[in-house]
Structures are given as structure tokens and as C-alpha cells.
Amino acid sequence: MLRKIFKTGDNTVVSLPEDVLDYFHLEEGSEVSVELDRERGGILIQPSQRPLSLTGIDEAFARQVEAFIELYRPALEALSRK
């Protein structure tokens, strides 16, 4: 799939198609790893390996907790300082 590189503010970015984002459960703010593949002459972009589930914890529940934390991060950080 062909994508364009463009500037937005001080950043140079490459957009990712919606089907790729959906497949890897990526959204704005998700972290990815970007590596130079010298042998193949390419760039490798892949989701960061953040385990969402621990032994005995459902992955869907872990995603819900992660979404909750992201949504309420400022309030949670304020509470942790008290």
C-alpha cells in the first residue's frame, strides 16, 4: 500500500490505513517501534510489545482498564499526589 510522508507542525509523519490500525488495535497515542531494516532496505513499524494481560486477567478487561487510565489520567495523577 502506498502512503505519503507529510509535515504537520514540526513533525514529519506517515499515515496508517484504518484497517492496519484496527488489526493491531492501535489508536492515536498508541506506541509503535520504528526500526531501519538495512538488509531489506526498508522501515519496520510494529506495535510496541506492552503485555496487556497478566496471568488470570482477561485481555479485554486489561484493555478496558488501560482505556480508563488514559481517559482519567490527569485526575488519577492528581489523586496520587494527595
N, C-alpha and C. Protein backbone atom coordinates (compact mmCIF):
# COMPACT_ATOMS: atom_id res chain seq x y z
N MET A 1 0.83 -1.17 0.00
CA MET A 1 0.00 0.00 0.00
C MET A 1 0.88 1.24 0.00
N LEU A 2 0.56 2.16 -0.82
CA LEU A 2 1.33 3.38 -0.99
C LEU A 2 0.82 4.45 -0.04
N ARG A 3 1.72 5.07 0.72
CA ARG A 3 1.36 6.13 1.66
C ARG A 3 2.29 7.32 1.42
N LYS A 4 1.86 8.52 1.76
CA LYS A 4 2.67 9.72 1.60
C LYS A 4 3.23 10.16 2.94
N ILE A 5 4.42 10.75 2.87
CA ILE A 5 5.04 11.38 4.03
C ILE A 5 4.67 12.86 3.95
N PHE A 6 4.24 13.44 5.08
CA PHE A 6 3.86 14.85 5.07
C PHE A 6 4.25 15.51 6.39
N LYS A 7 4.25 16.84 6.40
CA LYS A 7 4.57 17.62 7.58
C LYS A 7 3.29 18.02 8.28
N THR A 8 3.31 17.98 9.59
CA THR A 8 2.25 18.54 10.40
C THR A 8 2.94 19.23 11.57
N GLY A 9 2.90 20.55 11.58
CA GLY A 9 3.65 21.30 12.59
C GLY A 9 5.14 21.08 12.37
N ASP A 10 5.84 20.71 13.44
CA ASP A 10 7.28 20.45 13.35
C ASP A 10 7.59 18.98 13.09
N ASN A 11 6.58 18.17 12.87
CA ASN A 11 6.77 16.73 12.72
C ASN A 11 6.59 16.28 11.27
N THR A 12 7.32 15.24 10.90
CA THR A 12 7.15 14.58 9.62
C THR A 12 6.49 13.24 9.93
N VAL A 13 5.37 12.95 9.28
CA VAL A 13 4.57 11.77 9.65
C VAL A 13 4.20 10.94 8.42
N VAL A 14 3.83 9.70 8.69
CA VAL A 14 3.27 8.79 7.70
C VAL A 14 1.94 8.32 8.27
N SER A 15 0.87 8.46 7.51
CA SER A 15 -0.43 7.99 7.99
C SER A 15 -0.53 6.49 7.79
N LEU A 16 -1.28 5.86 8.68
CA LEU A 16 -1.52 4.41 8.58
C LEU A 16 -2.98 4.19 8.24
N PRO A 17 -3.26 3.24 7.35
CA PRO A 17 -4.65 2.98 6.96
C PRO A 17 -5.46 2.43 8.13
N GLU A 18 -6.75 2.72 8.10
CA GLU A 18 -7.67 2.32 9.17
C GLU A 18 -7.65 0.81 9.41
N ASP A 19 -7.56 0.00 8.35
CA ASP A 19 -7.58 -1.46 8.55
C ASP A 19 -6.34 -1.93 9.30
N VAL A 20 -5.21 -1.27 9.11
CA VAL A 20 -3.99 -1.63 9.85
C VAL A 20 -4.15 -1.25 11.32
N LEU A 21 -4.67 -0.05 11.56
CA LEU A 21 -4.90 0.39 12.94
C LEU A 21 -5.86 -0.55 13.65
N ASP A 22 -6.94 -0.91 12.99
CA ASP A 22 -7.92 -1.82 13.58
C ASP A 22 -7.32 -3.19 13.88
N TYR A 23 -6.55 -3.73 12.94
CA TYR A 23 -5.98 -5.07 13.10
C TYR A 23 -5.07 -5.15 14.33
N PHE A 24 -4.28 -4.08 14.55
CA PHE A 24 -3.33 -4.08 15.66
C PHE A 24 -3.86 -3.36 16.90
N HIS A 25 -5.15 -2.96 16.87
CA HIS A 25 -5.78 -2.26 17.99
C HIS A 25 -4.98 -0.99 18.35
N LEU A 26 -4.59 -0.24 17.32
CA LEU A 26 -3.85 1.00 17.52
C LEU A 26 -4.79 2.19 17.40
N GLU A 27 -4.48 3.23 18.13
CA GLU A 27 -5.26 4.47 18.04
C GLU A 27 -4.30 5.62 18.33
N GLU A 28 -4.79 6.84 18.19
CA GLU A 28 -3.96 8.00 18.46
C GLU A 28 -3.38 7.88 19.86
N GLY A 29 -2.08 8.04 19.97
CA GLY A 29 -1.40 7.91 21.25
C GLY A 29 -0.78 6.54 21.48
N SER A 30 -1.12 5.54 20.67
CA SER A 30 -0.51 4.22 20.80
C SER A 30 0.98 4.32 20.46
N GLU A 31 1.77 3.48 21.07
CA GLU A 31 3.20 3.46 20.81
C GLU A 31 3.54 2.37 19.80
N VAL A 32 4.42 2.71 18.86
CA VAL A 32 4.94 1.75 17.89
C VAL A 32 6.46 1.83 17.89
N SER A 33 7.07 0.76 17.46
CA SER A 33 8.51 0.70 17.30
C SER A 33 8.83 0.95 15.83
N VAL A 34 9.79 1.82 15.56
CA VAL A 34 10.21 2.10 14.18
C VAL A 34 11.68 1.73 14.07
N GLU A 35 11.99 0.81 13.15
CA GLU A 35 13.37 0.32 13.00
C GLU A 35 13.78 0.35 11.54
N LEU A 36 15.05 0.61 11.33
CA LEU A 36 15.63 0.58 9.99
C LEU A 36 16.04 -0.86 9.68
N ASP A 37 15.56 -1.40 8.58
CA ASP A 37 15.92 -2.74 8.15
C ASP A 37 16.90 -2.61 6.99
N ARG A 38 18.18 -2.53 7.32
CA ARG A 38 19.23 -2.32 6.31
C ARG A 38 19.32 -3.47 5.32
N GLU A 39 19.13 -4.69 5.80
CA GLU A 39 19.24 -5.85 4.91
C GLU A 39 18.20 -5.82 3.80
N ARG A 40 16.99 -5.42 4.13
CA ARG A 40 15.91 -5.40 3.14
C ARG A 40 15.69 -4.01 2.56
N GLY A 41 16.42 -3.01 3.06
CA GLY A 41 16.28 -1.66 2.56
C GLY A 41 14.92 -1.07 2.86
N GLY A 42 14.45 -1.26 4.10
CA GLY A 42 13.12 -0.79 4.44
C GLY A 42 13.02 -0.26 5.85
N ILE A 43 11.82 0.09 6.22
CA ILE A 43 11.48 0.57 7.55
C ILE A 43 10.46 -0.40 8.13
N LEU A 44 10.70 -0.85 9.34
CA LEU A 44 9.79 -1.77 10.02
C LEU A 44 9.06 -1.01 11.12
N ILE A 45 7.74 -0.96 11.01
CA ILE A 45 6.90 -0.32 12.03
C ILE A 45 6.03 -1.42 12.63
N GLN A 46 6.12 -1.57 13.95
CA GLN A 46 5.30 -2.59 14.61
C GLN A 46 4.84 -2.10 15.97
N PRO A 47 3.72 -2.63 16.46
CA PRO A 47 3.23 -2.21 17.77
C PRO A 47 4.27 -2.50 18.84
N SER A 48 4.36 -1.60 19.83
CA SER A 48 5.27 -1.87 20.94
C SER A 48 4.74 -3.07 21.70
N GLN A 49 5.61 -3.82 22.26
CA GLN A 49 5.22 -5.05 22.94
C GLN A 49 4.92 -4.76 24.40
N ARG A 50 3.73 -4.24 24.65
CA ARG A 50 3.28 -3.99 26.02
C ARG A 50 2.26 -5.06 26.37
N PRO A 51 2.64 -6.00 27.23
CA PRO A 51 1.67 -7.03 27.59
C PRO A 51 0.47 -6.42 28.31
N LEU A 52 -0.73 -6.69 27.79
CA LEU A 52 -1.93 -6.16 28.42
C LEU A 52 -2.51 -7.13 29.44
N SER A 53 -2.22 -8.38 29.28
CA SER A 53 -2.83 -9.33 30.20
C SER A 53 -1.77 -10.00 31.06
N LEU A 54 -2.11 -10.22 32.28
CA LEU A 54 -1.28 -10.96 33.21
C LEU A 54 -1.97 -12.30 33.46
N THR A 55 -1.26 -13.19 34.08
CA THR A 55 -1.85 -14.49 34.38
C THR A 55 -3.14 -14.31 35.17
N GLY A 56 -4.22 -14.86 34.66
CA GLY A 56 -5.50 -14.80 35.35
C GLY A 56 -6.31 -13.55 35.07
N ILE A 57 -5.79 -12.63 34.23
CA ILE A 57 -6.54 -11.41 33.91
C ILE A 57 -6.91 -11.44 32.44
N ASP A 58 -8.19 -11.26 32.16
CA ASP A 58 -8.71 -11.28 30.80
C ASP A 58 -8.16 -10.09 30.01
N GLU A 59 -7.74 -10.32 28.76
CA GLU A 59 -7.17 -9.27 27.94
C GLU A 59 -8.17 -8.15 27.67
N ALA A 60 -9.42 -8.48 27.45
CA ALA A 60 -10.45 -7.45 27.22
C ALA A 60 -10.58 -6.55 28.44
N PHE A 61 -10.55 -7.15 29.64
CA PHE A 61 -10.61 -6.36 30.87
C PHE A 61 -9.38 -5.47 30.98
N ALA A 62 -8.21 -6.00 30.65
CA ALA A 62 -6.98 -5.21 30.72
C ALA A 62 -7.06 -4.02 29.78
N ARG A 63 -7.64 -4.20 28.60
CA ARG A 63 -7.82 -3.08 27.66
C ARG A 63 -8.78 -2.03 28.22
N GLN A 64 -9.83 -2.48 28.89
CA GLN A 64 -10.78 -1.54 29.49
C GLN A 64 -10.10 -0.73 30.59
N VAL A 65 -9.28 -1.37 31.40
CA VAL A 65 -8.57 -0.67 32.47
C VAL A 65 -7.59 0.33 31.85
N GLU A 66 -6.88 -0.07 30.80
CA GLU A 66 -5.95 0.83 30.14
C GLU A 66 -6.68 2.04 29.56
N ALA A 67 -7.84 1.83 28.94
CA ALA A 67 -8.62 2.94 28.38
C ALA A 67 -9.10 3.87 29.49
N PHE A 68 -9.53 3.30 30.62
CA PHE A 68 -9.97 4.10 31.76
C PHE A 68 -8.83 4.97 32.28
N ILE A 69 -7.66 4.37 32.41
CA ILE A 69 -6.50 5.12 32.91
C ILE A 69 -6.15 6.26 31.96
N GLU A 70 -6.16 6.00 30.67
CA GLU A 70 -5.85 7.05 29.69
C GLU A 70 -6.88 8.17 29.76
N LEU A 71 -8.14 7.83 29.90
CA LEU A 71 -9.21 8.82 29.94
C LEU A 71 -9.12 9.70 31.19
N TYR A 72 -8.81 9.08 32.31
CA TYR A 72 -8.81 9.80 33.58
C TYR A 72 -7.41 10.04 34.15
N ARG A 73 -6.38 9.95 33.32
CA ARG A 73 -5.00 10.10 33.79
C ARG A 73 -4.78 11.38 34.61
N PRO A 74 -5.21 12.55 34.15
CA PRO A 74 -4.95 13.75 34.95
C PRO A 74 -5.56 13.67 36.36
N ALA A 75 -6.78 13.17 36.45
CA ALA A 75 -7.43 13.05 37.76
C ALA A 75 -6.72 12.01 38.62
N LEU A 76 -6.33 10.90 38.04
CA LEU A 76 -5.63 9.86 38.80
C LEU A 76 -4.29 10.36 39.30
N GLU A 77 -3.57 11.12 38.47
CA GLU A 77 -2.27 11.67 38.88
C GLU A 77 -2.46 12.68 40.01
N ALA A 78 -3.52 13.51 39.91
CA ALA A 78 -3.80 14.48 40.97
C ALA A 78 -4.12 13.77 42.28
N LEU A 79 -4.91 12.71 42.21
CA LEU A 79 -5.25 11.94 43.41
C LEU A 79 -4.03 11.28 44.03
N SER A 80 -3.10 10.84 43.20
CA SER A 80 -1.92 10.15 43.73
C SER A 80 -0.98 11.10 44.48
N ARG A 81 -1.12 12.41 44.23
CA ARG A 81 -0.27 13.39 44.93
C ARG A 81 -0.84 13.80 46.28
N LYS A 82 -2.06 13.40 46.58
CA LYS A 82 -2.69 13.82 47.84
C LYS A 82 -2.43 12.86 48.94
